[in-house]
Amino acid sequence: MSEETVPLTAGAGQPKGLLQQMEELMAALNADLSALDADLQGDGGPGRGVAEEEAG
């Protein structure tokens, strides 16, 4: 998971509003979760447990 800092100022040095900061954080979180979901789906998805791996 990537850890990024969100700058507190926008382009011309004006402070960002709390709502804008939260929207950006939620967008970043959503992207991370989407990537994690894609990784998990590529690893065989549900139903692939430790017992199956040990038996195989």
N, C-alpha and C. Protein backbone atom coordinates (compact mmCIF):
# COMPACT_ATOMS: atom_id res chain seq x y z
N MET A 1 0.85 -1.17 0.00
CA MET A 1 0.00 0.00 0.00
C MET A 1 0.89 1.24 0.00
N SER A 2 0.50 2.20 -0.80
CA SER A 2 1.32 3.40 -0.87
C SER A 2 0.90 4.39 0.20
N GLU A 3 1.88 5.04 0.77
CA GLU A 3 1.60 6.10 1.74
C GLU A 3 2.01 7.41 1.11
N GLU A 4 1.03 8.28 0.94
CA GLU A 4 1.30 9.57 0.33
C GLU A 4 0.81 10.66 1.25
N THR A 5 1.51 11.78 1.22
CA THR A 5 1.04 12.92 2.00
C THR A 5 0.24 13.83 1.08
N VAL A 6 -0.81 14.38 1.62
CA VAL A 6 -1.64 15.29 0.85
C VAL A 6 -1.25 16.70 1.22
N PRO A 7 -0.78 17.49 0.26
CA PRO A 7 -0.39 18.86 0.58
C PRO A 7 -1.59 19.66 1.05
N LEU A 8 -1.35 20.56 1.97
CA LEU A 8 -2.44 21.36 2.54
C LEU A 8 -2.74 22.60 1.72
N THR A 9 -1.96 22.85 0.68
CA THR A 9 -2.21 24.03 -0.13
C THR A 9 -2.45 23.63 -1.58
N ALA A 10 -3.31 24.35 -2.22
CA ALA A 10 -3.60 24.12 -3.63
C ALA A 10 -2.67 24.99 -4.47
N GLY A 11 -2.77 24.86 -5.78
CA GLY A 11 -1.89 25.51 -6.74
C GLY A 11 -1.33 26.87 -6.36
N ALA A 12 -2.17 27.87 -6.08
CA ALA A 12 -1.69 29.23 -5.85
C ALA A 12 -1.42 29.51 -4.38
N GLY A 13 -1.25 28.47 -3.59
CA GLY A 13 -0.92 28.68 -2.19
C GLY A 13 -2.12 28.86 -1.29
N GLN A 14 -3.32 28.69 -1.81
CA GLN A 14 -4.51 28.82 -0.98
C GLN A 14 -4.79 27.49 -0.29
N PRO A 15 -5.18 27.53 0.97
CA PRO A 15 -5.45 26.28 1.69
C PRO A 15 -6.65 25.55 1.10
N LYS A 16 -6.55 24.23 1.08
CA LYS A 16 -7.65 23.40 0.60
C LYS A 16 -8.70 23.30 1.70
N GLY A 17 -9.94 23.15 1.29
CA GLY A 17 -11.00 22.92 2.25
C GLY A 17 -10.96 21.49 2.75
N LEU A 18 -11.53 21.27 3.90
CA LEU A 18 -11.55 19.93 4.49
C LEU A 18 -12.28 18.95 3.59
N LEU A 19 -13.37 19.39 2.98
CA LEU A 19 -14.12 18.51 2.09
C LEU A 19 -13.27 18.07 0.90
N GLN A 20 -12.52 18.99 0.32
CA GLN A 20 -11.67 18.65 -0.81
C GLN A 20 -10.58 17.66 -0.40
N GLN A 21 -9.99 17.86 0.78
CA GLN A 21 -8.97 16.93 1.27
C GLN A 21 -9.56 15.54 1.47
N MET A 22 -10.76 15.48 2.05
CA MET A 22 -11.40 14.19 2.29
C MET A 22 -11.74 13.50 0.96
N GLU A 23 -12.20 14.26 -0.04
CA GLU A 23 -12.51 13.67 -1.33
C GLU A 23 -11.26 13.09 -1.98
N GLU A 24 -10.14 13.80 -1.87
CA GLU A 24 -8.90 13.30 -2.44
C GLU A 24 -8.42 12.05 -1.72
N LEU A 25 -8.53 12.04 -0.40
CA LEU A 25 -8.15 10.86 0.37
C LEU A 25 -9.03 9.66 0.03
N MET A 26 -10.34 9.90 -0.10
CA MET A 26 -11.25 8.80 -0.44
C MET A 26 -10.96 8.27 -1.85
N ALA A 27 -10.62 9.16 -2.77
CA ALA A 27 -10.28 8.71 -4.12
C ALA A 27 -9.02 7.85 -4.11
N ALA A 28 -8.02 8.27 -3.33
CA ALA A 28 -6.79 7.49 -3.23
C ALA A 28 -7.06 6.13 -2.57
N LEU A 29 -7.88 6.13 -1.53
CA LEU A 29 -8.23 4.88 -0.86
C LEU A 29 -8.99 3.95 -1.80
N ASN A 30 -9.91 4.50 -2.56
CA ASN A 30 -10.67 3.70 -3.51
C ASN A 30 -9.75 3.08 -4.56
N ALA A 31 -8.78 3.84 -5.04
CA ALA A 31 -7.84 3.31 -6.02
C ALA A 31 -7.01 2.18 -5.42
N ASP A 32 -6.55 2.37 -4.18
CA ASP A 32 -5.77 1.33 -3.52
C ASP A 32 -6.60 0.05 -3.32
N LEU A 33 -7.86 0.22 -2.91
CA LEU A 33 -8.71 -0.94 -2.70
C LEU A 33 -9.03 -1.65 -4.02
N SER A 34 -9.19 -0.88 -5.09
CA SER A 34 -9.44 -1.49 -6.39
C SER A 34 -8.23 -2.31 -6.84
N ALA A 35 -7.05 -1.77 -6.62
CA ALA A 35 -5.82 -2.49 -6.98
C ALA A 35 -5.68 -3.76 -6.14
N LEU A 36 -5.98 -3.66 -4.85
CA LEU A 36 -5.91 -4.83 -3.98
C LEU A 36 -6.91 -5.89 -4.42
N ASP A 37 -8.13 -5.46 -4.77
CA ASP A 37 -9.14 -6.39 -5.23
C ASP A 37 -8.68 -7.10 -6.50
N ALA A 38 -8.09 -6.35 -7.41
CA ALA A 38 -7.60 -6.95 -8.66
C ALA A 38 -6.50 -7.96 -8.36
N ASP A 39 -5.60 -7.63 -7.43
CA ASP A 39 -4.54 -8.57 -7.05
C ASP A 39 -5.12 -9.84 -6.45
N LEU A 40 -6.10 -9.69 -5.58
CA LEU A 40 -6.70 -10.86 -4.94
C LEU A 40 -7.47 -11.71 -5.95
N GLN A 41 -8.16 -11.08 -6.89
CA GLN A 41 -8.89 -11.83 -7.91
C GLN A 41 -7.91 -12.60 -8.79
N GLY A 42 -6.73 -12.05 -9.02
CA GLY A 42 -5.73 -12.72 -9.85
C GLY A 42 -5.05 -13.87 -9.15
N ASP A 43 -5.13 -13.94 -7.83
CA ASP A 43 -4.48 -15.00 -7.06
C ASP A 43 -5.35 -16.22 -6.88
N GLY A 44 -6.43 -16.34 -7.61
CA GLY A 44 -7.27 -17.52 -7.51
C GLY A 44 -8.60 -17.26 -6.86
N GLY A 45 -8.77 -16.11 -6.26
CA GLY A 45 -10.05 -15.74 -5.69
C GLY A 45 -10.42 -16.58 -4.48
N PRO A 46 -11.66 -16.50 -4.09
CA PRO A 46 -12.13 -17.24 -2.90
C PRO A 46 -12.13 -18.74 -3.14
N GLY A 47 -12.04 -19.49 -2.04
CA GLY A 47 -12.08 -20.94 -2.14
C GLY A 47 -10.70 -21.58 -2.23
N ARG A 48 -9.68 -20.76 -2.23
CA ARG A 48 -8.31 -21.30 -2.31
C ARG A 48 -7.68 -21.10 -0.94
N GLY A 49 -7.79 -22.11 -0.10
CA GLY A 49 -7.31 -22.00 1.27
C GLY A 49 -5.95 -22.64 1.48
N VAL A 50 -5.49 -22.59 2.71
CA VAL A 50 -4.18 -23.14 3.07
C VAL A 50 -4.18 -24.65 2.91
N ALA A 51 -5.28 -25.30 3.24
CA ALA A 51 -5.36 -26.76 3.15
C ALA A 51 -5.16 -27.23 1.71
N GLU A 52 -5.74 -26.51 0.77
CA GLU A 52 -5.58 -26.89 -0.63
C GLU A 52 -4.14 -26.73 -1.09
N GLU A 53 -3.48 -25.67 -0.62
CA GLU A 53 -2.10 -25.43 -1.02
C GLU A 53 -1.17 -26.49 -0.44
N GLU A 54 -1.41 -26.88 0.83
CA GLU A 54 -0.56 -27.88 1.48
C GLU A 54 -0.75 -29.25 0.85
N ALA A 55 -1.99 -29.57 0.45
CA ALA A 55 -2.29 -30.88 -0.11
C ALA A 55 -1.72 -31.01 -1.53
N GLY A 56 -1.59 -29.89 -2.21
CA GLY A 56 -1.20 -29.92 -3.60
C GLY A 56 0.25 -30.00 -3.75
